Amino acid sequence: MLRVGIIGANGQVGSEVSLLLKGSETCLPIPICRTKLGSAFLRYGGLDCRHGDVTRSAEEATDLLSGLDLIVDFSLPRGHSSSLKADIHRLVNSVLMNSGSATYIYASSIMAYGMSERHIHFKNYKIAHSIYGKSKRYAEAEVKTLSKRLGRKFYILRLGEVNGEIQSCTRLRSNNLRIAGPAKIQIPTGRTYAVLTTTIMNTIETLASQRIASGAYTLSDAHRLEWRDLASYYAERAGLSQIEYQDKPQLAGRKLRSVLMNGAAHIAERYRNEISSYLLCYMPKVEEYLRLERLKRTASKAVLLNAHQEYDVFGVTYTGNIELTPPAFDAASLASGFERLRLLRKFLLDLESGLSAAARFH
């Protein structure tokens, strides 16, 4: 069995992939979490975890990463854009410098192409139009540069929108369907850019066992998964058996403010992600002030966010075809992927029942 260390294992994607890999015949998942509290769910699910911070010191990183054949990095650095670069640089360098010869898989995102709420057409934009996309581009560059310098094998996976049993988008859309009930549900036209957690798991197994060239790959189920398939999956989770589907055109990008007091405010609002990514990263105090002011302006409107999206389960979706790297590996069938998610759902429900029983006992 190949030992697969999973950084960021207590996040949504890391947790689910760890649990799915538990049933793998070729890979042994070893989640890496900062604290035992963060790994409680995974340990209750039967996984042996390692605890510590790979960025704290070289000695601690070496101890956490020792004996691993493969490292999958699902970490999501948080904070202001002024500190993201330093955090990403510290993490990537620590992992690659202290993990021996282990293969490094960095989980990036299709947002690295540069899309945003206003830029919704799939293409490789010259500049990233979101803070998240900009940070992923920087992380990808760090992984490529240092891996090549050290002669290490690496893979960058630009993940599509991740769908699975414990993913927020799945829960939100399933709940929206449950609220809507047996009504007509709008389905976006065009190809989906989603990726199932089972596909991510299959890809990790393949990269661990086959000789595939290092590089960046876009990982999506676009070639076999339609929006209608996802809607049916959400409906199943919501306990709905009869739903009418209605195609809808792709929506235009949304502007967060339709009425602005002056031209300067309009420009600042329109290009807030670019300004934050390329200017405010050098002015942390200004960034903090502007962030707080914006939160004040939008807090009163938060309760109305989904007021008109009850039957529009998917909301704004990107247009055009996702740019897929020529496939270097074959994923399991779509039916098999959904079946594994059903098994995981049953496993999670059993865990929940066990926790509830334990709580009542105490």
Foldseek 3Di string as FASTA:
>chain_A
DAEEEEEPCLDQLNVVLQLLCVPPPQYQYEYEEADCVSCVVVVLLPHHYHHRDLLPDLVVVLVRQPPHQAYEYPDDDDDALLCLLVVLLSVLCSNVVRNPQHEYEYEAAQLLLAADLQRQADHNDPDHQASRNLSSVSNQVSNVVVCVVVVHAYEYEHAYAEDFDRDPLLVQLLVLPLVVDAEEAEFEDDFGFYAYSLQVSQVVSDVSPDDDHGDYFYDGPRVPDGSVNSNVLSCVVNVHDHHHYDYDYADHRDQPDPDDDDDVVVVCSVRVRVCSNPPCSVPVVVVVVVVVVVCVVCVVVVVCPCVPCSRHSPPHHGDDDHDGDPDPDDHDDPVVSSVSSVVVVVSVVVSVVVVVVVVVVD
